Protein backbone atom coordinates (compact mmCIF):
# COMPACT_ATOMS: atom_id res chain seq x y z
CA MET A 1 68.97 141.51 182.24
CA SER A 2 71.38 140.90 185.12
CA THR A 3 73.95 143.72 185.06
CA ARG A 4 76.24 141.99 187.55
CA ARG A 5 75.96 138.67 185.73
CA ASP A 6 76.99 140.39 182.51
CA ALA A 7 79.81 142.19 184.32
CA LEU A 8 81.07 138.86 185.65
CA LEU A 9 81.03 137.39 182.16
CA ALA A 10 83.03 140.38 180.88
CA LEU A 11 85.65 139.74 183.58
CA LEU A 12 85.88 136.04 182.70
CA ALA A 13 85.93 136.65 178.94
CA ASP A 14 89.75 136.81 178.83
CA GLY A 15 89.90 133.08 179.59
CA ALA A 16 92.26 133.62 182.55
CA LEU A 17 91.81 132.23 186.03
CA HIS A 18 90.20 134.71 188.44
CA SER A 19 89.89 134.10 192.17
CA GLY A 20 86.54 134.44 193.87
CA ALA A 21 87.97 137.18 196.07
CA GLU A 22 89.18 139.18 193.07
CA LEU A 23 85.85 138.84 191.27
CA ALA A 24 83.93 139.81 194.41
CA ALA A 25 86.07 142.92 194.90
CA ARG A 26 85.75 144.04 191.28
CA LEU A 27 82.01 143.50 191.24
CA GLY A 28 81.44 144.96 194.70
CA VAL A 29 79.64 141.87 196.00
CA SER A 30 80.34 138.99 198.36
CA ARG A 31 82.04 135.76 197.31
CA ALA A 32 78.74 133.99 197.91
CA ALA A 33 77.13 136.38 195.40
CA VAL A 34 79.87 135.55 192.89
CA TRP A 35 79.07 131.85 193.34
CA LYS A 36 75.40 132.59 192.67
CA LEU A 37 76.22 134.63 189.54
CA VAL A 38 78.42 131.79 188.27
CA GLY A 39 75.39 129.54 188.69
CA GLU A 40 73.32 131.93 186.57
CA LEU A 41 75.89 131.78 183.78
CA ARG A 42 76.02 128.01 183.93
CA SER A 43 72.23 127.83 183.76
CA GLN A 44 72.51 129.63 180.41
CA GLY A 45 74.82 126.94 179.06
CA ILE A 46 78.07 128.85 179.64
CA ASP A 47 80.85 126.53 180.76
CA VAL A 48 82.33 128.39 183.73
CA GLN A 49 85.02 126.12 185.12
CA SER A 50 86.02 126.22 188.76
CA GLU A 51 89.29 125.19 190.40
CA PRO A 52 89.03 124.55 194.16
CA ARG A 53 90.57 127.37 196.22
CA ARG A 54 91.85 129.02 193.03
CA GLY A 55 88.90 130.53 191.21
CA TYR A 56 86.87 130.53 188.01
CA ARG A 57 87.61 130.66 184.31
CA LEU A 58 86.11 130.07 180.88
CA PRO A 59 87.60 127.23 178.78
CA ALA A 60 88.95 129.83 176.34
CA ALA A 61 88.90 133.57 175.79
CA VAL A 62 85.75 134.93 174.15
CA GLU A 63 85.36 138.26 172.37
CA LEU A 64 81.98 139.43 173.62
CA LEU A 65 79.74 141.26 171.20
CA ASP A 66 79.74 145.04 171.56
CA ALA A 67 77.12 147.13 169.78
CA ALA A 68 79.31 150.24 169.54
CA ARG A 69 82.20 148.30 168.01
CA ILE A 70 79.92 146.53 165.52
CA GLU A 71 78.39 149.86 164.49
CA ARG A 72 81.83 151.44 163.99
CA VAL A 73 82.96 148.59 161.75
CA ALA A 74 79.71 148.61 159.79
CA SER A 75 79.98 152.38 159.32
CA SER A 76 83.57 152.03 158.09
CA HIS A 77 82.21 149.74 155.36
CA GLY A 78 79.67 152.36 154.31
CA ALA A 79 76.64 151.05 156.14
CA PRO A 80 74.01 153.64 157.07
CA SER A 81 73.29 154.13 160.74
CA GLY A 82 70.47 152.02 162.10
CA ALA A 83 68.98 150.67 165.29
CA LEU A 84 71.48 148.01 166.38
CA GLU A 85 71.18 146.15 169.68
CA VAL A 86 73.11 143.36 171.38
CA ARG A 87 71.28 141.27 173.96
CA PHE A 88 72.78 138.67 176.25
CA GLU A 89 69.94 136.19 175.68
CA VAL A 90 66.75 135.96 173.63
CA ASP A 91 64.46 133.19 172.50
CA SER A 92 65.13 133.96 168.83
CA THR A 93 66.46 137.13 167.19
CA ASN A 94 64.23 136.45 164.18
CA ALA A 95 61.13 136.00 166.34
CA ARG A 96 61.82 139.19 168.29
CA LEU A 97 62.17 141.33 165.16
CA TYR A 98 59.31 139.62 163.35
CA GLU A 99 56.96 140.38 166.23
CA ALA A 100 58.19 143.97 166.67
CA PRO A 101 56.82 146.99 164.75
CA ALA A 102 58.31 147.22 161.28
CA PRO A 103 61.10 149.74 160.69
CA ARG A 104 60.48 152.62 158.32
CA PRO A 105 60.92 151.79 154.62
CA ASN A 106 64.53 151.35 153.55
CA GLU A 107 65.74 151.43 157.14
CA ALA A 108 66.95 148.55 159.27
CA ARG A 109 66.63 147.21 162.76
CA ILE A 110 69.41 144.79 163.81
CA LEU A 111 69.49 142.43 166.79
CA PHE A 112 72.43 140.30 167.96
CA ALA A 113 72.35 137.79 170.79
CA GLU A 114 75.09 136.01 172.68
CA ILE A 115 72.66 133.21 173.51
CA GLN A 116 69.50 132.05 171.73
CA HIS A 117 67.23 129.58 173.47
CA ALA A 118 65.03 128.91 170.45
CA GLY A 119 67.16 129.76 167.45
CA ARG A 120 65.53 128.56 164.26
CA GLY A 121 66.77 127.18 161.02
CA ARG A 122 64.86 126.45 157.85
CA ARG A 123 61.99 123.89 157.77
CA GLY A 124 61.41 124.24 161.52
CA ARG A 125 64.83 122.96 162.56
CA SER A 126 66.62 124.38 165.58
CA TRP A 127 69.88 126.30 165.16
CA VAL A 128 72.56 125.15 167.60
CA ALA A 129 74.99 127.91 168.61
CA PRO A 130 76.83 127.39 171.91
CA PHE A 131 77.97 130.53 173.71
CA GLY A 132 80.84 132.30 171.95
CA SER A 133 81.07 129.75 169.13
CA GLY A 134 79.51 131.81 166.36
CA LEU A 135 77.38 134.74 165.32
CA THR A 136 73.60 134.78 165.47
CA PHE A 137 71.75 137.92 164.46
CA SER A 138 68.78 139.20 162.49
CA VAL A 139 68.04 142.24 160.35
CA ALA A 140 64.55 143.65 159.83
CA TRP A 141 64.01 145.68 156.64
CA ALA A 142 60.89 147.24 155.15
CA PHE A 143 60.39 147.71 151.41
CA ALA A 144 58.34 150.76 150.45
CA GLU A 145 57.28 148.82 147.34
CA THR A 146 57.64 145.11 146.70
CA PRO A 147 60.80 144.68 144.59
CA PRO A 148 60.89 142.41 141.54
CA GLY A 149 61.89 138.81 142.15
CA LEU A 150 61.29 138.98 145.91
CA PRO A 151 61.38 135.15 146.31
CA ALA A 152 65.06 135.29 145.28
CA LEU A 153 66.01 137.68 148.10
CA GLY A 154 67.54 134.91 150.21
CA LEU A 155 69.89 133.97 147.36
CA ALA A 156 70.98 137.59 147.02
CA ILE A 157 71.76 137.89 150.72
CA GLY A 158 73.64 134.60 150.58
CA VAL A 159 75.87 136.17 147.92
CA ALA A 160 76.57 139.12 150.22
CA VAL A 161 77.54 136.84 153.11
CA ALA A 162 79.72 134.56 150.98
CA GLU A 163 81.52 137.48 149.34
CA THR A 164 82.21 139.01 152.76
CA LEU A 165 83.85 135.79 153.95
CA LEU A 166 85.82 135.39 150.73
CA ALA A 167 87.12 138.95 151.05
CA ARG A 168 88.52 138.00 154.46
CA GLY A 169 90.47 135.05 153.10
CA ALA A 170 88.03 132.19 153.57
CA ASP A 171 88.78 130.45 150.28
CA GLY A 172 86.39 127.84 149.00
CA ILE A 173 83.18 129.40 150.34
CA GLY A 174 80.10 128.48 148.34
CA LEU A 175 76.31 128.54 148.49
CA LYS A 176 73.86 125.63 148.55
CA TRP A 177 70.36 126.48 147.42
CA PRO A 178 68.39 128.00 148.94
CA ASN A 179 70.06 129.38 152.07
CA ASP A 180 73.19 127.51 153.18
CA ILE A 181 76.72 128.91 153.31
CA VAL A 182 79.10 126.00 152.80
CA TRP A 183 82.77 125.16 152.73
CA ARG A 184 83.98 121.96 151.10
CA ARG A 185 80.44 120.57 151.03
CA ARG A 186 79.95 121.16 154.75
CA LYS A 187 77.60 123.65 156.32
CA LEU A 188 79.22 126.80 157.66
CA GLY A 189 76.10 128.89 158.18
CA GLY A 190 72.50 129.36 157.24
CA LEU A 191 69.95 132.06 156.50
CA LEU A 192 66.32 132.21 157.55
CA LEU A 193 64.01 134.75 155.91
CA GLN A 194 60.54 135.60 157.18
CA LEU A 195 58.30 137.91 155.16
CA ARG A 196 55.41 139.91 156.55
CA MET A 197 53.04 141.72 154.20
CA GLU A 198 51.13 144.69 155.60
CA ALA A 199 47.67 145.35 154.17
CA GLY A 200 48.07 148.56 152.22
CA GLY A 201 51.59 148.98 153.62
CA PRO A 202 55.17 147.93 152.99
CA ALA A 203 56.52 144.40 152.94
CA THR A 204 58.86 143.64 155.83
CA VAL A 205 61.51 140.95 155.75
CA VAL A 206 63.45 139.62 158.71
CA VAL A 207 66.78 138.08 157.72
CA GLY A 208 68.40 135.77 160.27
CA LEU A 209 72.00 134.57 159.94
CA GLY A 210 73.68 131.87 161.97
CA LEU A 211 77.39 131.46 161.28
CA ASN A 212 79.72 128.92 162.90
CA LEU A 213 83.01 130.48 164.01
CA ASP A 214 84.57 127.86 166.31
CA LEU A 215 82.32 124.95 167.23
CA PRO A 216 83.29 122.79 170.21
CA PRO A 217 84.10 119.18 169.20
CA ASP A 218 81.26 117.77 171.30
CA VAL A 219 78.75 119.97 169.46
CA ARG A 220 79.98 118.73 166.09
CA ALA A 221 79.67 115.14 167.30
CA ASP A 222 76.13 115.80 168.54
CA LEU A 223 75.06 117.33 165.22
CA GLU A 224 76.49 114.38 163.31
CA ALA A 225 74.72 111.96 165.62
CA ARG A 226 71.43 113.69 164.79
CA GLY A 227 72.05 113.06 161.10
CA ALA A 228 72.47 116.74 160.35
CA PHE A 229 74.18 117.94 157.19
CA PRO A 230 77.98 117.78 157.76
CA VAL A 231 79.12 120.96 159.52
CA THR A 232 82.25 123.06 159.71
CA ASP A 233 83.29 126.41 161.14
CA LEU A 234 85.25 129.45 160.06
CA HIS A 235 88.17 128.52 162.31
CA GLU A 236 88.69 125.40 160.20
CA ALA A 237 87.96 127.10 156.87
CA MET A 238 90.50 129.85 157.61
CA ALA A 239 93.10 127.63 159.30
CA GLY A 240 92.76 129.48 162.60
CA ARG A 241 92.93 133.02 161.13
CA THR A 242 89.35 133.83 162.04
CA PRO A 243 88.51 137.56 162.27
CA GLY A 244 87.32 138.95 165.59
CA ARG A 245 83.61 138.52 166.25
CA ASN A 246 82.85 142.25 166.31
CA GLU A 247 84.88 143.00 163.19
CA LEU A 248 83.19 140.20 161.26
CA ALA A 249 79.76 141.12 162.65
CA GLY A 250 80.13 144.71 161.46
CA ALA A 251 81.31 143.64 158.00
CA LEU A 252 78.39 141.23 157.63
CA VAL A 253 75.87 143.84 158.77
CA ALA A 254 77.23 146.28 156.19
CA ALA A 255 77.12 143.65 153.42
CA ILE A 256 73.57 142.56 154.23
CA LEU A 257 72.30 146.16 154.36
CA ALA A 258 74.02 146.93 151.05
CA SER A 259 72.45 143.84 149.48
CA LEU A 260 68.99 144.83 150.72
CA ALA A 261 69.38 148.32 149.28
CA GLU A 262 70.65 146.91 145.97
CA PHE A 263 67.82 144.39 145.81
CA THR A 264 65.33 147.18 146.51
CA ARG A 265 66.61 149.03 143.43
CA ASP A 266 67.34 146.21 140.99
CA GLY A 267 65.87 142.96 142.25
CA PHE A 268 67.85 139.76 141.72
CA ALA A 269 69.26 140.60 138.28
CA ARG A 270 72.67 141.86 139.43
CA PHE A 271 73.06 139.06 141.98
CA ALA A 272 72.19 136.20 139.62
CA PRO A 273 75.61 135.74 137.93
CA ARG A 274 77.36 136.09 141.30
CA TRP A 275 75.13 133.42 142.81
CA GLN A 276 75.77 131.09 139.89
CA ALA A 277 79.54 131.52 140.41
CA LEU A 278 79.14 130.51 144.07
CA ASP A 279 76.72 127.62 143.48
CA ALA A 280 78.35 124.70 145.31
CA LEU A 281 76.27 122.06 143.49
CA ALA A 282 76.31 123.43 139.95
CA GLY A 283 76.33 120.58 137.43
CA GLU A 284 76.30 117.89 140.14
CA ALA A 285 73.93 115.00 140.66
CA VAL A 286 71.45 115.96 143.36
CA ARG A 287 68.45 114.58 145.17
CA VAL A 288 65.46 116.83 145.80
CA THR A 289 62.96 115.81 148.48
CA GLN A 290 59.57 117.48 148.72
CA ALA A 291 56.91 116.05 151.04
CA ASP A 292 56.85 112.33 150.14
CA THR A 293 58.41 112.79 146.70
CA THR A 294 62.08 112.34 145.83
CA VAL A 295 63.57 113.43 142.51
CA ASP A 296 67.09 112.74 141.25
CA GLY A 297 68.67 114.95 138.63
CA VAL A 298 71.46 117.39 137.86
CA ALA A 299 71.57 120.84 139.47
CA ARG A 300 71.32 123.65 136.90
CA GLY A 301 71.34 126.71 139.13
CA ALA A 302 68.44 129.04 139.90
CA ASP A 303 66.15 131.16 137.77
CA ALA A 304 65.30 134.87 138.04
CA GLU A 305 62.73 134.16 140.77
CA GLY A 306 65.14 132.11 142.87
CA ALA A 307 63.61 128.73 142.01
CA LEU A 308 65.95 125.75 141.87
CA LEU A 309 66.48 124.31 138.41
CA VAL A 310 67.10 120.57 138.12
CA GLN A 311 67.53 118.63 134.91
CA VAL A 312 65.46 115.46 135.24
CA GLU A 313 65.52 112.95 132.40
CA GLY A 314 66.06 115.57 129.73
CA ARG A 315 63.62 118.18 131.08
CA LEU A 316 64.21 121.15 133.35
CA GLU A 317 62.11 121.20 136.51
CA ARG A 318 61.65 124.11 138.94
CA PHE A 319 61.44 123.85 142.71
CA HIS A 320 60.56 126.63 145.14
CA SER A 321 62.17 126.68 148.58
CA GLY A 322 59.15 126.01 150.81
CA ASP A 323 59.47 122.50 152.17
CA VAL A 324 62.17 121.35 149.75
CA SER A 325 65.38 119.60 150.79
CA LEU A 326 68.37 119.55 148.43
CA ARG A 327 71.31 117.19 148.91
CA PRO A 328 74.12 115.81 146.77
CA ALA A 329 72.99 112.49 145.30
CA SER A 330 75.96 110.70 146.89
């Protein structure tokens, strides 16, 4: 990690124009070194703008992630202390935690990143999150014993995320089976769960969340051009009243940890009615695609094991997440 590069980013985070001389003095380096550090930031996809003979700036102010602030907020919401880290850049927060040693049972390890180079979504898709435009983090959790209904864990965590956003005034938040957070039928965020079973040991799950806070217009256009599911961000859903990144990060960490602890005790049972109430496609015509097969029917929620229920020509069919794609029929 480049300490001076990170220090430069912290200076530019206010979105104001800073001269090269000012930045050099505050960092204790030469103006040529500042120019080199700006190049490092740009190489990471950060849009550092320059104005000849005036200085450098970011297009807008960015609240950088701060581990201490996130921990304080999470603690204020009743979250137990855990190992929480913020990194400037990683390949994938999920991959890092999945490959790391498992935490002790009923304890968590949490990793945030400002930049992910290989963020992943479900079904092998990439997760696009330009610098400062959202939240991307993962939580590793070990179960001492496999809880009942483990395949439904992703639905339970989706409930925790949606309820956190609703509590902050984001009306109209819903869930699309199995792992999408949506607003007005557009994708606001997504979950990725990876399970690792230890021979003779606990089961470890890594929960990754990507949440759009304020996507640049060009990123939205690019996603639409790729044929991605229509997207939105919290800035739009909350009419510009988006919480600060650290405040929201801490609240989401607390909610996810609480949901993991609750699921450990009770499985999916207590989450099921809450998920049904948030089901964005309940009772709607849907199309389910699995491998080379497409099925049209009416969405009827999820069962106790988290399987999708679809009414097809008078019969109820079950689909497990795996390689299944669910879309509105029109």
